[in-house]
Amino acid sequence: MKRTALYLRVSTLDQHTETQLYDLHEMARQRGYQIVEEYEDRISGAKARRPGLDAMMRDARRGKFDVVLVWACDRIARSTKHFLDVLDELNRLNVEFVSFREQIDTAGPLGRAIVVIIGAIAELERSLIVERVRAGMRRAKLEGRHIGRQVLVLDRAAILRGRQNGQSLGQLAKTHLVSRTTIHRALAAPIPAVTKGLEKPAA
């Protein structure tokens, strides 16, 4: 008998999970699953923090159940990417995922095929995002715009004078709008040597 966890979510506090609970209990009974835990969130689908889902994923990592039953895919995830991440982790943990409404079951061949297709779409989406970022960087370089962090320019001579006049690292950092660590590095850097050479006479 497979150990099963139920995950339920409603969007507002005045909504109830009875319908989801009834359907999932009935599905577990028909399949001969043993329900070992029920996790519930009463929170908007767009919210990142979901205590019930977080607890369920922690228990999945501990091997407390073999199957996760949900009423619908949009109950468990806030976005397509989040759904794929959850599905991928459950798959790596050898935990089956079953959705009542969409009739997705990753234990069967069709369910596994769906996971592969969804994973391929997600990989394509990630590749497209990377390519768009790279194209944006190339365009910015062609337009002469700086990419990445701005170069920090320090008046090292002023920092050295300030230190010689008794200013602390904190005071110097505040004056030059940088961290104490940056001031310390500026003071510790070796002073470049200046070499004067004679110009060669014109031939």
N, C-alpha and C. Protein backbone atom coordinates (compact mmCIF):
# COMPACT_ATOMS: atom_id res chain seq x y z
N MET A 1 0.84 -1.20 0.00
CA MET A 1 0.00 0.00 0.00
C MET A 1 0.88 1.25 0.00
N LYS A 2 0.66 2.13 -0.96
CA LYS A 2 1.46 3.34 -1.07
C LYS A 2 1.03 4.39 -0.06
N ARG A 3 2.03 4.99 0.57
CA ARG A 3 1.77 6.08 1.52
C ARG A 3 1.53 7.37 0.73
N THR A 4 0.48 8.08 1.10
CA THR A 4 0.04 9.22 0.31
C THR A 4 -0.09 10.47 1.15
N ALA A 5 0.32 11.60 0.56
CA ALA A 5 0.12 12.91 1.17
C ALA A 5 -0.87 13.69 0.32
N LEU A 6 -1.76 14.40 0.96
CA LEU A 6 -2.71 15.26 0.26
C LEU A 6 -2.27 16.70 0.42
N TYR A 7 -2.34 17.47 -0.66
CA TYR A 7 -2.07 18.91 -0.56
C TYR A 7 -3.30 19.66 -1.04
N LEU A 8 -3.78 20.57 -0.19
CA LEU A 8 -4.99 21.35 -0.49
C LEU A 8 -4.68 22.83 -0.33
N ARG A 9 -5.28 23.65 -1.19
CA ARG A 9 -5.10 25.10 -1.06
C ARG A 9 -6.35 25.83 -1.52
N VAL A 10 -6.73 26.84 -0.73
CA VAL A 10 -7.77 27.79 -1.12
C VAL A 10 -7.17 29.18 -1.06
N SER A 11 -7.76 30.11 -1.81
CA SER A 11 -7.14 31.42 -1.96
C SER A 11 -7.44 32.38 -0.83
N THR A 12 -8.59 32.22 -0.16
CA THR A 12 -8.97 33.16 0.90
C THR A 12 -9.39 32.39 2.14
N LEU A 13 -9.41 33.10 3.27
CA LEU A 13 -9.73 32.46 4.54
C LEU A 13 -11.18 32.00 4.62
N ASP A 14 -12.08 32.65 3.86
CA ASP A 14 -13.49 32.28 3.94
C ASP A 14 -13.85 31.14 2.98
N GLN A 15 -12.89 30.66 2.19
CA GLN A 15 -13.13 29.50 1.35
C GLN A 15 -12.83 28.23 2.13
N HIS A 16 -13.34 27.11 1.64
CA HIS A 16 -13.19 25.85 2.36
C HIS A 16 -12.58 24.78 1.45
N THR A 17 -11.95 23.81 2.07
CA THR A 17 -11.27 22.74 1.32
C THR A 17 -12.08 21.45 1.29
N GLU A 18 -13.35 21.50 1.73
CA GLU A 18 -14.13 20.26 1.84
C GLU A 18 -14.27 19.52 0.51
N THR A 19 -14.51 20.28 -0.59
CA THR A 19 -14.68 19.64 -1.89
C THR A 19 -13.41 18.94 -2.32
N GLN A 20 -12.29 19.65 -2.21
CA GLN A 20 -11.00 19.05 -2.56
C GLN A 20 -10.74 17.82 -1.70
N LEU A 21 -11.00 17.96 -0.41
CA LEU A 21 -10.73 16.87 0.53
C LEU A 21 -11.55 15.64 0.19
N TYR A 22 -12.83 15.83 -0.13
CA TYR A 22 -13.71 14.70 -0.45
C TYR A 22 -13.20 13.97 -1.69
N ASP A 23 -12.90 14.73 -2.75
CA ASP A 23 -12.45 14.12 -4.01
C ASP A 23 -11.13 13.37 -3.83
N LEU A 24 -10.21 13.94 -3.08
CA LEU A 24 -8.91 13.30 -2.89
C LEU A 24 -9.01 12.06 -2.02
N HIS A 25 -9.84 12.13 -0.99
CA HIS A 25 -10.05 10.94 -0.14
C HIS A 25 -10.66 9.81 -0.98
N GLU A 26 -11.60 10.16 -1.85
CA GLU A 26 -12.25 9.15 -2.68
C GLU A 26 -11.25 8.54 -3.66
N MET A 27 -10.39 9.39 -4.25
CA MET A 27 -9.37 8.88 -5.17
C MET A 27 -8.39 7.96 -4.45
N ALA A 28 -7.97 8.35 -3.24
CA ALA A 28 -7.05 7.52 -2.46
C ALA A 28 -7.69 6.18 -2.12
N ARG A 29 -8.98 6.21 -1.79
CA ARG A 29 -9.68 4.96 -1.44
C ARG A 29 -9.77 4.04 -2.65
N GLN A 30 -10.09 4.60 -3.82
CA GLN A 30 -10.22 3.79 -5.03
C GLN A 30 -8.88 3.17 -5.44
N ARG A 31 -7.79 3.87 -5.19
CA ARG A 31 -6.48 3.37 -5.59
C ARG A 31 -5.81 2.54 -4.51
N GLY A 32 -6.42 2.47 -3.35
CA GLY A 32 -5.84 1.69 -2.27
C GLY A 32 -4.65 2.36 -1.61
N TYR A 33 -4.62 3.71 -1.62
CA TYR A 33 -3.54 4.46 -1.00
C TYR A 33 -3.82 4.66 0.49
N GLN A 34 -2.78 4.70 1.27
CA GLN A 34 -2.88 5.01 2.70
C GLN A 34 -2.51 6.48 2.91
N ILE A 35 -3.46 7.29 3.33
CA ILE A 35 -3.21 8.72 3.57
C ILE A 35 -2.46 8.86 4.89
N VAL A 36 -1.24 9.38 4.82
CA VAL A 36 -0.42 9.52 6.02
C VAL A 36 -0.34 10.97 6.51
N GLU A 37 -0.66 11.93 5.61
CA GLU A 37 -0.55 13.33 6.03
C GLU A 37 -1.38 14.20 5.09
N GLU A 38 -1.94 15.28 5.65
CA GLU A 38 -2.66 16.27 4.85
C GLU A 38 -2.04 17.64 5.10
N TYR A 39 -1.74 18.34 4.02
CA TYR A 39 -1.12 19.67 4.11
C TYR A 39 -2.08 20.67 3.49
N GLU A 40 -2.20 21.82 4.14
CA GLU A 40 -3.19 22.79 3.69
C GLU A 40 -2.64 24.21 3.77
N ASP A 41 -2.97 25.00 2.74
CA ASP A 41 -2.64 26.43 2.74
C ASP A 41 -3.90 27.21 2.42
N ARG A 42 -4.09 28.30 3.16
CA ARG A 42 -5.17 29.25 2.85
C ARG A 42 -4.49 30.56 2.49
N ILE A 43 -4.13 30.66 1.21
CA ILE A 43 -3.29 31.77 0.77
C ILE A 43 -3.45 31.95 -0.73
N SER A 44 -3.25 33.17 -1.19
CA SER A 44 -3.37 33.48 -2.62
C SER A 44 -2.36 32.67 -3.42
N GLY A 45 -2.75 32.32 -4.65
CA GLY A 45 -1.86 31.54 -5.51
C GLY A 45 -0.59 32.27 -5.89
N ALA A 46 -0.61 33.62 -5.81
CA ALA A 46 0.57 34.40 -6.21
C ALA A 46 1.60 34.53 -5.09
N LYS A 47 1.24 34.16 -3.86
CA LYS A 47 2.16 34.31 -2.73
C LYS A 47 3.29 33.30 -2.82
N ALA A 48 4.50 33.79 -2.54
CA ALA A 48 5.67 32.91 -2.61
C ALA A 48 5.76 31.98 -1.41
N ARG A 49 5.41 32.47 -0.23
CA ARG A 49 5.53 31.68 0.99
C ARG A 49 4.27 30.85 1.20
N ARG A 50 4.44 29.54 1.27
CA ARG A 50 3.32 28.63 1.53
C ARG A 50 3.76 27.64 2.59
N PRO A 51 3.38 27.88 3.83
CA PRO A 51 3.84 27.00 4.92
C PRO A 51 3.47 25.53 4.71
N GLY A 52 2.24 25.28 4.24
CA GLY A 52 1.81 23.90 4.03
C GLY A 52 2.63 23.20 2.96
N LEU A 53 2.84 23.88 1.84
CA LEU A 53 3.63 23.29 0.75
C LEU A 53 5.08 23.10 1.17
N ASP A 54 5.63 24.08 1.89
CA ASP A 54 7.01 23.96 2.37
C ASP A 54 7.17 22.75 3.29
N ALA A 55 6.18 22.54 4.18
CA ALA A 55 6.22 21.40 5.09
C ALA A 55 6.13 20.09 4.31
N MET A 56 5.28 20.08 3.28
CA MET A 56 5.12 18.87 2.47
C MET A 56 6.43 18.51 1.76
N MET A 57 7.10 19.52 1.18
CA MET A 57 8.34 19.25 0.48
C MET A 57 9.44 18.78 1.43
N ARG A 58 9.45 19.34 2.64
CA ARG A 58 10.42 18.86 3.65
C ARG A 58 10.19 17.39 3.97
N ASP A 59 8.93 17.02 4.15
CA ASP A 59 8.62 15.63 4.47
C ASP A 59 8.89 14.71 3.28
N ALA A 60 8.71 15.23 2.07
CA ALA A 60 9.02 14.42 0.88
C ALA A 60 10.51 14.09 0.86
N ARG A 61 11.33 15.06 1.23
CA ARG A 61 12.79 14.82 1.26
C ARG A 61 13.16 13.80 2.32
N ARG A 62 12.32 13.70 3.35
CA ARG A 62 12.58 12.73 4.42
C ARG A 62 12.00 11.36 4.12
N GLY A 63 11.35 11.21 2.97
CA GLY A 63 10.80 9.92 2.57
C GLY A 63 9.56 9.51 3.34
N LYS A 64 8.74 10.47 3.76
CA LYS A 64 7.58 10.14 4.58
C LYS A 64 6.38 9.61 3.78
N PHE A 65 6.41 9.80 2.45
CA PHE A 65 5.31 9.30 1.63
C PHE A 65 5.81 8.99 0.23
N ASP A 66 4.98 8.26 -0.53
CA ASP A 66 5.35 7.81 -1.87
C ASP A 66 4.60 8.55 -2.98
N VAL A 67 3.47 9.15 -2.63
CA VAL A 67 2.60 9.80 -3.63
C VAL A 67 2.09 11.11 -3.06
N VAL A 68 1.96 12.11 -3.94
CA VAL A 68 1.31 13.37 -3.59
C VAL A 68 0.04 13.49 -4.42
N LEU A 69 -1.08 13.68 -3.75
CA LEU A 69 -2.36 13.89 -4.43
C LEU A 69 -2.76 15.35 -4.29
N VAL A 70 -3.11 15.98 -5.43
CA VAL A 70 -3.63 17.35 -5.40
C VAL A 70 -4.94 17.37 -6.19
N TRP A 71 -5.77 18.35 -5.88
CA TRP A 71 -7.05 18.46 -6.58
C TRP A 71 -6.87 19.00 -7.99
N ALA A 72 -5.91 19.95 -8.15
CA ALA A 72 -5.61 20.52 -9.47
C ALA A 72 -4.19 21.05 -9.45
N CYS A 73 -3.57 21.10 -10.61
CA CYS A 73 -2.17 21.55 -10.69
C CYS A 73 -2.00 22.98 -10.20
N ASP A 74 -3.00 23.84 -10.45
CA ASP A 74 -2.86 25.23 -10.03
C ASP A 74 -3.00 25.40 -8.52
N ARG A 75 -3.37 24.34 -7.83
CA ARG A 75 -3.43 24.41 -6.36
C ARG A 75 -2.04 24.34 -5.75
N ILE A 76 -1.13 23.65 -6.42
CA ILE A 76 0.17 23.39 -5.79
C ILE A 76 1.23 24.41 -6.17
N ALA A 77 1.05 25.15 -7.25
CA ALA A 77 2.11 26.03 -7.72
C ALA A 77 1.56 27.42 -8.05
N ARG A 78 2.44 28.43 -7.90
CA ARG A 78 2.04 29.81 -8.15
C ARG A 78 2.32 30.24 -9.59
N SER A 79 3.08 29.43 -10.33
CA SER A 79 3.42 29.75 -11.71
C SER A 79 3.83 28.46 -12.41
N THR A 80 3.95 28.54 -13.73
CA THR A 80 4.38 27.36 -14.49
C THR A 80 5.78 26.93 -14.06
N LYS A 81 6.67 27.90 -13.90
CA LYS A 81 8.03 27.58 -13.48
C LYS A 81 8.05 26.91 -12.11
N HIS A 82 7.26 27.44 -11.17
CA HIS A 82 7.20 26.84 -9.84
C HIS A 82 6.65 25.42 -9.91
N PHE A 83 5.63 25.22 -10.74
CA PHE A 83 5.06 23.88 -10.90
C PHE A 83 6.11 22.90 -11.42
N LEU A 84 6.89 23.35 -12.41
CA LEU A 84 7.93 22.49 -12.96
C LEU A 84 9.00 22.17 -11.93
N ASP A 85 9.35 23.17 -11.11
CA ASP A 85 10.36 22.95 -10.06
C ASP A 85 9.87 21.91 -9.05
N VAL A 86 8.61 22.05 -8.63
CA VAL A 86 8.04 21.10 -7.67
C VAL A 86 7.99 19.70 -8.27
N LEU A 87 7.51 19.63 -9.52
CA LEU A 87 7.39 18.33 -10.19
C LEU A 87 8.76 17.68 -10.36
N ASP A 88 9.75 18.48 -10.72
CA ASP A 88 11.09 17.96 -10.92
C ASP A 88 11.68 17.43 -9.62
N GLU A 89 11.48 18.16 -8.52
CA GLU A 89 12.02 17.69 -7.24
C GLU A 89 11.32 16.42 -6.78
N LEU A 90 10.00 16.36 -6.92
CA LEU A 90 9.28 15.15 -6.53
C LEU A 90 9.76 13.96 -7.37
N ASN A 91 10.01 14.21 -8.65
CA ASN A 91 10.49 13.13 -9.52
C ASN A 91 11.86 12.63 -9.06
N ARG A 92 12.75 13.56 -8.68
CA ARG A 92 14.08 13.17 -8.20
C ARG A 92 14.00 12.40 -6.89
N LEU A 93 12.96 12.69 -6.09
CA LEU A 93 12.77 12.01 -4.81
C LEU A 93 11.99 10.71 -4.96
N ASN A 94 11.65 10.35 -6.21
CA ASN A 94 10.84 9.14 -6.49
C ASN A 94 9.48 9.22 -5.82
N VAL A 95 8.92 10.42 -5.76
CA VAL A 95 7.57 10.61 -5.23
C VAL A 95 6.63 10.87 -6.41
N GLU A 96 5.60 10.05 -6.53
CA GLU A 96 4.66 10.21 -7.64
C GLU A 96 3.75 11.41 -7.41
N PHE A 97 3.32 12.01 -8.50
CA PHE A 97 2.43 13.18 -8.44
C PHE A 97 1.15 12.84 -9.19
N VAL A 98 0.01 13.05 -8.52
CA VAL A 98 -1.29 12.75 -9.12
C VAL A 98 -2.19 13.96 -8.96
N SER A 99 -2.77 14.42 -10.08
CA SER A 99 -3.72 15.54 -10.05
C SER A 99 -5.11 15.02 -10.39
N PHE A 100 -6.07 15.29 -9.51
CA PHE A 100 -7.44 14.79 -9.68
C PHE A 100 -8.10 15.39 -10.93
N ARG A 101 -8.05 16.71 -11.07
CA ARG A 101 -8.79 17.37 -12.15
C ARG A 101 -8.18 17.10 -13.52
N GLU A 102 -6.85 17.22 -13.64
CA GLU A 102 -6.21 17.02 -14.94
C GLU A 102 -5.92 15.55 -15.24
N GLN A 103 -6.12 14.68 -14.25
CA GLN A 103 -5.86 13.24 -14.42
C GLN A 103 -4.41 12.98 -14.84
N ILE A 104 -3.48 13.73 -14.24
CA ILE A 104 -2.06 13.51 -14.46
C ILE A 104 -1.55 12.57 -13.39
N ASP A 105 -0.86 11.53 -13.81
CA ASP A 105 -0.30 10.55 -12.88
C ASP A 105 1.10 10.20 -13.37
N THR A 106 2.12 10.67 -12.65
CA THR A 106 3.50 10.44 -13.11
C THR A 106 3.95 9.00 -12.92
N ALA A 107 3.11 8.16 -12.30
CA ALA A 107 3.48 6.74 -12.16
C ALA A 107 3.28 5.99 -13.46
N GLY A 108 2.34 6.46 -14.30
CA GLY A 108 2.06 5.77 -15.55
C GLY A 108 2.89 6.30 -16.69
N PRO A 109 2.91 5.58 -17.83
CA PRO A 109 3.72 6.00 -18.98
C PRO A 109 3.30 7.36 -19.54
N LEU A 110 1.99 7.63 -19.59
CA LEU A 110 1.53 8.92 -20.09
C LEU A 110 1.96 10.05 -19.16
N GLY A 111 1.86 9.80 -17.86
CA GLY A 111 2.27 10.81 -16.89
C GLY A 111 3.76 11.10 -16.98
N ARG A 112 4.56 10.05 -17.13
CA ARG A 112 6.00 10.24 -17.26
C ARG A 112 6.33 10.99 -18.55
N ALA A 113 5.57 10.71 -19.62
CA ALA A 113 5.78 11.42 -20.88
C ALA A 113 5.46 12.90 -20.72
N ILE A 114 4.40 13.20 -19.97
CA ILE A 114 4.03 14.59 -19.73
C ILE A 114 5.14 15.32 -18.99
N VAL A 115 5.73 14.63 -17.99
CA VAL A 115 6.83 15.23 -17.22
C VAL A 115 8.01 15.53 -18.14
N VAL A 116 8.33 14.59 -19.04
CA VAL A 116 9.44 14.79 -19.98
C VAL A 116 9.16 15.97 -20.90
N ILE A 117 7.91 16.05 -21.40
CA ILE A 117 7.54 17.14 -22.32
C ILE A 117 7.61 18.48 -21.59
N ILE A 118 7.06 18.51 -20.38
CA ILE A 118 7.08 19.75 -19.60
C ILE A 118 8.52 20.16 -19.30
N GLY A 119 9.36 19.19 -18.96
CA GLY A 119 10.76 19.48 -18.69
C GLY A 119 11.46 20.04 -19.91
N ALA A 120 11.15 19.47 -21.09
CA ALA A 120 11.77 19.96 -22.33
C ALA A 120 11.32 21.39 -22.63
N ILE A 121 10.05 21.69 -22.38
CA ILE A 121 9.54 23.04 -22.60
C ILE A 121 10.22 24.01 -21.64
N ALA A 122 10.40 23.58 -20.40
CA ALA A 122 11.06 24.43 -19.41
C ALA A 122 12.51 24.71 -19.81
N GLU A 123 13.21 23.67 -20.30
CA GLU A 123 14.59 23.84 -20.75
C GLU A 123 14.66 24.80 -21.93
N LEU A 124 13.70 24.68 -22.85
CA LEU A 124 13.64 25.60 -23.99
C LEU A 124 13.41 27.02 -23.52
N GLU A 125 12.51 27.19 -22.54
CA GLU A 125 12.23 28.52 -22.01
C GLU A 125 13.48 29.12 -21.36
N ARG A 126 14.23 28.30 -20.60
CA ARG A 126 15.46 28.79 -19.98
C ARG A 126 16.49 29.20 -21.04
N SER A 127 16.59 28.41 -22.11
CA SER A 127 17.55 28.72 -23.18
C SER A 127 17.17 30.02 -23.88
N LEU A 128 15.88 30.22 -24.10
CA LEU A 128 15.42 31.46 -24.74
C LEU A 128 15.71 32.67 -23.86
N ILE A 129 15.53 32.51 -22.56
CA ILE A 129 15.81 33.62 -21.64
C ILE A 129 17.29 33.97 -21.67
N VAL A 130 18.16 32.93 -21.64
CA VAL A 130 19.61 33.17 -21.70
C VAL A 130 19.98 33.88 -23.00
N GLU A 131 19.40 33.43 -24.11
CA GLU A 131 19.72 34.05 -25.40
C GLU A 131 19.25 35.50 -25.45
N ARG A 132 18.07 35.78 -24.86
CA ARG A 132 17.58 37.17 -24.84
C ARG A 132 18.51 38.05 -24.02
N VAL A 133 19.00 37.52 -22.90
CA VAL A 133 19.93 38.29 -22.06
C VAL A 133 21.22 38.57 -22.82
N ARG A 134 21.74 37.55 -23.49
CA ARG A 134 22.98 37.73 -24.25
C ARG A 134 22.79 38.72 -25.39
N ALA A 135 21.64 38.65 -26.07
CA ALA A 135 21.36 39.58 -27.16
C ALA A 135 21.28 41.01 -26.62
N GLY A 136 20.67 41.17 -25.46
CA GLY A 136 20.59 42.49 -24.83
C GLY A 136 21.96 43.04 -24.48
N MET A 137 22.83 42.16 -23.98
CA MET A 137 24.19 42.59 -23.63
C MET A 137 24.98 42.99 -24.88
N ARG A 138 24.81 42.20 -25.96
CA ARG A 138 25.51 42.56 -27.21
C ARG A 138 25.02 43.90 -27.73
N ARG A 139 23.72 44.14 -27.68
CA ARG A 139 23.16 45.40 -28.15
C ARG A 139 23.67 46.56 -27.30
N ALA A 140 23.74 46.35 -25.98
CA ALA A 140 24.22 47.40 -25.09
C ALA A 140 25.67 47.75 -25.38
N LYS A 141 26.50 46.73 -25.66
CA LYS A 141 27.91 46.97 -25.97
C LYS A 141 28.06 47.73 -27.28
N LEU A 142 27.23 47.38 -28.28
CA LEU A 142 27.29 48.08 -29.55
C LEU A 142 26.87 49.55 -29.40
N GLU A 143 25.96 49.80 -28.46
CA GLU A 143 25.51 51.17 -28.24
C GLU A 143 26.42 51.92 -27.28
N GLY A 144 27.49 51.26 -26.83
CA GLY A 144 28.45 51.92 -25.96
C GLY A 144 28.02 52.05 -24.52
N ARG A 145 27.00 51.30 -24.12
CA ARG A 145 26.54 51.36 -22.73
C ARG A 145 27.34 50.40 -21.88
N HIS A 146 27.58 50.80 -20.62
CA HIS A 146 28.35 49.96 -19.70
C HIS A 146 27.51 48.79 -19.23
N ILE A 147 28.13 47.60 -19.16
CA ILE A 147 27.45 46.39 -18.70
C ILE A 147 28.10 45.93 -17.41
N GLY A 148 27.28 45.62 -16.43
CA GLY A 148 27.81 45.14 -15.15
C GLY A 148 27.96 46.26 -14.15
N ARG A 149 28.72 46.00 -13.10
CA ARG A 149 28.91 46.96 -12.04
C ARG A 149 29.75 48.13 -12.51
N GLN A 150 29.41 49.31 -12.00
CA GLN A 150 30.17 50.50 -12.32
C GLN A 150 31.56 50.41 -11.68
N VAL A 151 32.57 50.90 -12.41
CA VAL A 151 33.94 50.89 -11.89
C VAL A 151 34.04 51.91 -10.75
N LEU A 152 34.58 51.45 -9.63
CA LEU A 152 34.72 52.32 -8.46
C LEU A 152 35.99 53.15 -8.59
N VAL A 153 35.82 54.46 -8.59
CA VAL A 153 36.97 55.37 -8.70
C VAL A 153 37.16 56.05 -7.35
N LEU A 154 38.34 55.83 -6.75
CA LEU A 154 38.64 56.41 -5.44
C LEU A 154 39.77 57.44 -5.57
N ASP A 155 39.65 58.49 -4.77
CA ASP A 155 40.74 59.47 -4.68
C ASP A 155 41.69 58.96 -3.59
N ARG A 156 42.64 58.10 -4.01
CA ARG A 156 43.51 57.44 -3.03
C ARG A 156 44.40 58.44 -2.30
N ALA A 157 44.80 59.48 -3.02
CA ALA A 157 45.65 60.50 -2.39
C ALA A 157 44.90 61.19 -1.25
N ALA A 158 43.62 61.47 -1.47
CA ALA A 158 42.81 62.11 -0.43
C ALA A 158 42.61 61.17 0.75
N ILE A 159 42.46 59.88 0.46
CA ILE A 159 42.29 58.89 1.54
C ILE A 159 43.57 58.83 2.37
N LEU A 160 44.73 58.81 1.71
CA LEU A 160 46.01 58.77 2.43
C LEU A 160 46.21 60.03 3.27
N ARG A 161 45.84 61.19 2.71
CA ARG A 161 45.98 62.43 3.48
C ARG A 161 45.07 62.41 4.69
N GLY A 162 43.85 61.94 4.50
CA GLY A 162 42.91 61.87 5.61
C GLY A 162 43.39 60.95 6.71
N ARG A 163 43.97 59.82 6.31
CA ARG A 163 44.48 58.88 7.30
C ARG A 163 45.66 59.48 8.07
N GLN A 164 46.54 60.18 7.34
CA GLN A 164 47.69 60.83 7.97
C GLN A 164 47.25 61.94 8.93
N ASN A 165 46.09 62.52 8.65
CA ASN A 165 45.55 63.58 9.52
C ASN A 165 44.76 63.01 10.70
N GLY A 166 44.75 61.67 10.84
CA GLY A 166 44.12 61.06 12.01
C GLY A 166 42.70 60.60 11.83
N GLN A 167 42.17 60.61 10.61
CA GLN A 167 40.80 60.14 10.40
C GLN A 167 40.74 58.61 10.52
N SER A 168 39.67 58.13 11.10
CA SER A 168 39.50 56.68 11.26
C SER A 168 38.98 56.07 9.95
N LEU A 169 39.01 54.73 9.90
CA LEU A 169 38.50 54.05 8.71
C LEU A 169 37.02 54.36 8.50
N GLY A 170 36.27 54.41 9.60
CA GLY A 170 34.86 54.71 9.52
C GLY A 170 34.60 56.12 8.97
N GLN A 171 35.38 57.08 9.44
CA GLN A 171 35.23 58.45 8.95
C GLN A 171 35.57 58.56 7.47
N LEU A 172 36.65 57.89 7.06
CA LEU A 172 37.03 57.90 5.65
C LEU A 172 35.97 57.22 4.78
N ALA A 173 35.43 56.11 5.29
CA ALA A 173 34.39 55.40 4.54
C ALA A 173 33.17 56.28 4.35
N LYS A 174 32.79 57.01 5.39
CA LYS A 174 31.64 57.89 5.30
C LYS A 174 31.90 59.05 4.35
N THR A 175 33.11 59.59 4.38
CA THR A 175 33.45 60.72 3.51
C THR A 175 33.43 60.31 2.04
N HIS A 176 33.96 59.12 1.74
CA HIS A 176 34.09 58.69 0.34
C HIS A 176 32.95 57.77 -0.11
N LEU A 177 31.95 57.57 0.77
CA LEU A 177 30.75 56.79 0.43
C LEU A 177 31.08 55.37 0.00
N VAL A 178 31.99 54.74 0.74
CA VAL A 178 32.35 53.34 0.48
C VAL A 178 32.40 52.60 1.82
N SER A 179 32.69 51.31 1.75
CA SER A 179 32.78 50.52 2.97
C SER A 179 34.15 50.66 3.62
N ARG A 180 34.23 50.29 4.90
CA ARG A 180 35.50 50.30 5.61
C ARG A 180 36.50 49.35 4.95
N THR A 181 35.99 48.22 4.43
CA THR A 181 36.87 47.25 3.76
C THR A 181 37.53 47.87 2.54
N THR A 182 36.74 48.65 1.78
CA THR A 182 37.29 49.31 0.58
C THR A 182 38.38 50.31 0.97
N ILE A 183 38.14 51.06 2.05
CA ILE A 183 39.15 52.01 2.53
C ILE A 183 40.42 51.28 2.95
N HIS A 184 40.24 50.15 3.65
CA HIS A 184 41.39 49.37 4.11
C HIS A 184 42.20 48.86 2.93
N ARG A 185 41.51 48.39 1.88
CA ARG A 185 42.22 47.91 0.69
C ARG A 185 42.97 49.05 0.00
N ALA A 186 42.35 50.23 -0.05
CA ALA A 186 43.00 51.38 -0.69
C ALA A 186 44.27 51.78 0.06
N LEU A 187 44.22 51.72 1.39
CA LEU A 187 45.39 52.08 2.19
C LEU A 187 46.49 51.02 2.10
N ALA A 188 46.08 49.76 1.94
CA ALA A 188 47.05 48.67 1.93
C ALA A 188 47.70 48.48 0.56
N ALA A 189 47.10 49.04 -0.48
CA ALA A 189 47.64 48.86 -1.83
C ALA A 189 49.00 49.53 -1.94
N PRO A 190 49.95 48.90 -2.63
CA PRO A 190 51.28 49.51 -2.77
C PRO A 190 51.23 50.79 -3.61
N ILE A 191 52.06 51.71 -3.25
CA ILE A 191 52.13 52.97 -3.99
C ILE A 191 52.94 52.74 -5.25
N PRO A 192 52.39 53.03 -6.43
CA PRO A 192 53.13 52.76 -7.66
C PRO A 192 54.37 53.62 -7.77
N ALA A 193 55.45 53.00 -8.20
CA ALA A 193 56.71 53.74 -8.36
C ALA A 193 56.67 54.58 -9.63
N VAL A 194 57.27 55.75 -9.59
CA VAL A 194 57.31 56.62 -10.76
C VAL A 194 58.75 56.69 -11.24
N THR A 195 59.01 56.31 -12.46
CA THR A 195 60.35 56.29 -13.02
C THR A 195 60.49 57.38 -14.07
N LYS A 196 61.49 58.24 -13.89
CA LYS A 196 61.72 59.31 -14.86
C LYS A 196 62.81 58.87 -15.83
N GLY A 197 62.52 58.90 -17.09
CA GLY A 197 63.52 58.53 -18.09
C GLY A 197 63.91 59.73 -18.93
N LEU A 198 65.11 59.66 -19.48
CA LEU A 198 65.58 60.75 -20.34
C LEU A 198 65.09 60.51 -21.74
N GLU A 199 64.61 61.59 -22.34
CA GLU A 199 64.16 61.46 -23.70
C GLU A 199 65.35 61.32 -24.62
N LYS A 200 65.22 60.48 -25.62
CA LYS A 200 66.29 60.32 -26.60
C LYS A 200 66.31 61.52 -27.53
N PRO A 201 67.46 62.01 -27.81
CA PRO A 201 67.52 63.14 -28.73
C PRO A 201 67.05 62.74 -30.10
N ALA A 202 66.46 63.70 -30.77
CA ALA A 202 65.95 63.41 -32.12
C ALA A 202 67.10 63.09 -33.04
N ALA A 203 66.86 62.10 -33.89
CA ALA A 203 67.92 61.68 -34.84
C ALA A 203 68.11 62.73 -35.93
